[in-house]
Amino acid sequence: MREGYLFPPLWGTDSFNNGAGMGRLLTAARFIKARMPLGQPDLTDSQAYDVAAFVNSHERPQRANLEVDYPNLADKPVDSPYPPYADDFPIEQHRLGPFAPIREYYRNLQ
């Protein structure tokens, strides 16, 4: 990251990479809900979700070897925005939801 940022960029070459926790919609939405707007957080769950989806829809650095992050794909978070997956749900559903059907699928595997 370049020096001089008061806050890190939300997308672009100096932002977090596609394998970072903030690249996961549910993680980003929880973080955003707890902290926005600065000094007076008061977003609804839906607003935080929308902001997270907007931020994560932009280009960012690509981390190599993401396919080895989860040796057991059944342990991969439902909102992990990159394949491979141990299910047949589309990548867009893993990125944006709905997540309940994915969770149910994995509950039934146990």
C-alpha atoms as a PDB file:
ATOM      1  CA  MET A   1       0.000   0.000   0.000  1.00  0.00           C
ATOM      2  CA  ARG A   2       1.207   3.478  -0.763  1.00  0.00           C
ATOM      3  CA  GLU A   3       1.991   5.739   2.141  1.00  0.00           C
ATOM      4  CA  GLY A   4      -0.169   8.752   2.777  1.00  0.00           C
ATOM      5  CA  TYR A   5      -3.657   7.252   3.046  1.00  0.00           C
ATOM      6  CA  LEU A   6      -5.699   8.308   6.059  1.00  0.00           C
ATOM      7  CA  PHE A   7      -7.924   5.307   5.342  1.00  0.00           C
ATOM      8  CA  PRO A   8      -7.043   2.455   2.970  1.00  0.00           C
ATOM      9  CA  PRO A   9      -8.771   2.453  -0.427  1.00  0.00           C
ATOM     10  CA  LEU A  10     -11.882   0.300  -0.767  1.00  0.00           C
ATOM     11  CA  TRP A  11     -10.996  -0.875  -4.265  1.00  0.00           C
ATOM     12  CA  GLY A  12      -8.235  -0.545  -6.804  1.00  0.00           C
ATOM     13  CA  THR A  13      -4.596  -1.542  -6.736  1.00  0.00           C
ATOM     14  CA  ASP A  14      -3.945  -0.445  -3.146  1.00  0.00           C
ATOM     15  CA  SER A  15      -7.054  -2.044  -1.636  1.00  0.00           C
ATOM     16  CA  PHE A  16      -7.481  -5.398   0.107  1.00  0.00           C
ATOM     17  CA  ASN A  17      -7.115  -8.416  -2.178  1.00  0.00           C
ATOM     18  CA  ASN A  18      -9.846 -10.801  -3.309  1.00  0.00           C
ATOM     19  CA  GLY A  19      -8.869 -13.374  -0.671  1.00  0.00           C
ATOM     20  CA  ALA A  20      -9.143 -10.989   2.289  1.00  0.00           C
ATOM     21  CA  GLY A  21     -11.891 -11.366   4.870  1.00  0.00           C
ATOM     22  CA  MET A  22     -13.399  -8.040   3.791  1.00  0.00           C
ATOM     23  CA  GLY A  23     -13.935  -9.596   0.371  1.00  0.00           C
ATOM     24  CA  ARG A  24     -16.622 -11.763   1.970  1.00  0.00           C
ATOM     25  CA  LEU A  25     -19.989 -10.019   1.870  1.00  0.00           C
ATOM     26  CA  LEU A  26     -21.178 -11.046   5.333  1.00  0.00           C
ATOM     27  CA  THR A  27     -17.885 -10.094   6.989  1.00  0.00           C
ATOM     28  CA  ALA A  28     -17.790  -6.735   5.218  1.00  0.00           C
ATOM     29  CA  ALA A  29     -21.450  -6.000   6.042  1.00  0.00           C
ATOM     30  CA  ARG A  30     -20.892  -6.676   9.764  1.00  0.00           C
ATOM     31  CA  PHE A  31     -17.835  -4.406   9.771  1.00  0.00           C
ATOM     32  CA  ILE A  32     -19.636  -1.641   7.854  1.00  0.00           C
ATOM     33  CA  LYS A  33     -22.752  -1.820  10.052  1.00  0.00           C
ATOM     34  CA  ALA A  34     -20.660  -1.426  13.198  1.00  0.00           C
ATOM     35  CA  ARG A  35     -18.692   1.538  11.862  1.00  0.00           C
ATOM     36  CA  MET A  36     -20.712   3.603   9.383  1.00  0.00           C
ATOM     37  CA  PRO A  37     -21.149   6.425   9.246  1.00  0.00           C
ATOM     38  CA  LEU A  38     -17.929   7.332  11.040  1.00  0.00           C
ATOM     39  CA  GLY A  39     -18.596   8.396  14.611  1.00  0.00           C
ATOM     40  CA  GLN A  40     -22.296   7.545  14.559  1.00  0.00           C
ATOM     41  CA  PRO A  41     -22.968   4.044  13.177  1.00  0.00           C
ATOM     42  CA  ASP A  42     -26.650   3.657  12.386  1.00  0.00           C
ATOM     43  CA  LEU A  43     -27.031   1.692   9.158  1.00  0.00           C
ATOM     44  CA  THR A  44     -29.680  -0.984   8.894  1.00  0.00           C
ATOM     45  CA  ASP A  45     -28.639  -4.552   8.081  1.00  0.00           C
ATOM     46  CA  SER A  46     -29.937  -4.059   4.551  1.00  0.00           C
ATOM     47  CA  GLN A  47     -28.011  -0.809   4.062  1.00  0.00           C
ATOM     48  CA  ALA A  48     -24.784  -2.379   5.358  1.00  0.00           C
ATOM     49  CA  TYR A  49     -25.311  -5.348   3.013  1.00  0.00           C
ATOM     50  CA  ASP A  50     -25.832  -2.991   0.049  1.00  0.00           C
ATOM     51  CA  VAL A  51     -22.706  -0.955   0.858  1.00  0.00           C
ATOM     52  CA  ALA A  52     -20.652  -4.153   1.239  1.00  0.00           C
ATOM     53  CA  ALA A  53     -21.959  -5.504  -2.079  1.00  0.00           C
ATOM     54  CA  PHE A  54     -21.124  -2.197  -3.781  1.00  0.00           C
ATOM     55  CA  VAL A  55     -17.579  -2.075  -2.359  1.00  0.00           C
ATOM     56  CA  ASN A  56     -16.898  -5.721  -3.190  1.00  0.00           C
ATOM     57  CA  SER A  57     -18.191  -5.345  -6.749  1.00  0.00           C
ATOM     58  CA  HIS A  58     -15.108  -3.296  -7.700  1.00  0.00           C
ATOM     59  CA  GLU A  59     -11.744  -4.512  -8.968  1.00  0.00           C
ATOM     60  CA  ARG A  60      -9.024  -5.255  -6.464  1.00  0.00           C
ATOM     61  CA  PRO A  61      -5.693  -7.079  -6.337  1.00  0.00           C
ATOM     62  CA  GLN A  62      -5.912 -10.801  -7.050  1.00  0.00           C
ATOM     63  CA  ARG A  63      -4.215 -13.143  -4.610  1.00  0.00           C
ATOM     64  CA  ALA A  64      -2.566 -16.252  -6.033  1.00  0.00           C
ATOM     65  CA  ASN A  65      -3.351 -19.830  -4.982  1.00  0.00           C
ATOM     66  CA  LEU A  66      -6.787 -19.179  -3.504  1.00  0.00           C
ATOM     67  CA  GLU A  67      -7.787 -22.735  -4.416  1.00  0.00           C
ATOM     68  CA  VAL A  68      -5.640 -24.062  -1.554  1.00  0.00           C
ATOM     69  CA  ASP A  69      -7.154 -21.822   1.156  1.00  0.00           C
ATOM     70  CA  TYR A  70      -9.629 -24.491   2.234  1.00  0.00           C
ATOM     71  CA  PRO A  71      -8.316 -28.056   1.832  1.00  0.00           C
ATOM     72  CA  ASN A  72     -11.737 -29.280   2.996  1.00  0.00           C
ATOM     73  CA  LEU A  73     -14.130 -27.300   0.818  1.00  0.00           C
ATOM     74  CA  ALA A  74     -17.030 -28.109   3.138  1.00  0.00           C
ATOM     75  CA  ASP A  75     -15.335 -25.808   5.693  1.00  0.00           C
ATOM     76  CA  LYS A  76     -15.274 -22.866   3.301  1.00  0.00           C
ATOM     77  CA  PRO A  77     -17.506 -19.919   4.355  1.00  0.00           C
ATOM     78  CA  VAL A  78     -20.754 -19.722   2.396  1.00  0.00           C
ATOM     79  CA  ASP A  79     -19.925 -16.177   1.279  1.00  0.00           C
ATOM     80  CA  SER A  80     -16.441 -16.983   0.027  1.00  0.00           C
ATOM     81  CA  PRO A  81     -16.321 -15.055  -3.248  1.00  0.00           C
ATOM     82  CA  TYR A  82     -14.016 -17.401  -5.151  1.00  0.00           C
ATOM     83  CA  PRO A  83     -14.147 -21.050  -6.239  1.00  0.00           C
ATOM     84  CA  PRO A  84     -13.692 -23.945  -5.910  1.00  0.00           C
ATOM     85  CA  TYR A  85     -16.743 -24.935  -3.892  1.00  0.00           C
ATOM     86  CA  ALA A  86     -17.992 -28.307  -2.658  1.00  0.00           C
ATOM     87  CA  ASP A  87     -21.450 -27.551  -4.045  1.00  0.00           C
ATOM     88  CA  ASP A  88     -23.131 -26.607  -7.300  1.00  0.00           C
ATOM     89  CA  PHE A  89     -24.410 -23.170  -6.256  1.00  0.00           C
ATOM     90  CA  PRO A  90     -23.405 -20.419  -8.691  1.00  0.00           C
ATOM     91  CA  ILE A  91     -20.496 -18.148  -7.829  1.00  0.00           C
ATOM     92  CA  GLU A  92     -22.824 -15.110  -7.746  1.00  0.00           C
ATOM     93  CA  GLN A  93     -24.883 -16.772  -5.015  1.00  0.00           C
ATOM     94  CA  HIS A  94     -21.713 -17.327  -2.988  1.00  0.00           C
ATOM     95  CA  ARG A  95     -20.826 -13.659  -3.498  1.00  0.00           C
ATOM     96  CA  LEU A  96     -24.215 -12.033  -2.918  1.00  0.00           C
ATOM     97  CA  GLY A  97     -26.611 -14.626  -1.499  1.00  0.00           C
ATOM     98  CA  PRO A  98     -29.128 -15.820  -0.691  1.00  0.00           C
ATOM     99  CA  PHE A  99     -26.958 -17.808   1.710  1.00  0.00           C
ATOM    100  CA  ALA A 100     -29.657 -19.834   3.499  1.00  0.00           C
ATOM    101  CA  PRO A 101     -29.870 -22.516   0.760  1.00  0.00           C
ATOM    102  CA  ILE A 102     -26.082 -22.922   0.822  1.00  0.00           C
ATOM    103  CA  ARG A 103     -26.076 -23.248   4.618  1.00  0.00           C
ATOM    104  CA  GLU A 104     -28.885 -25.796   4.437  1.00  0.00           C
ATOM    105  CA  TYR A 105     -26.969 -27.827   1.860  1.00  0.00           C
ATOM    106  CA  TYR A 106     -23.956 -28.088   4.169  1.00  0.00           C
ATOM    107  CA  ARG A 107     -26.099 -28.857   7.235  1.00  0.00           C
ATOM    108  CA  ASN A 108     -27.553 -31.799   5.337  1.00  0.00           C
ATOM    109  CA  LEU A 109     -24.066 -33.138   4.545  1.00  0.00           C
ATOM    110  CA  GLN A 110     -23.340 -33.714   8.221  1.00  0.00           C
END
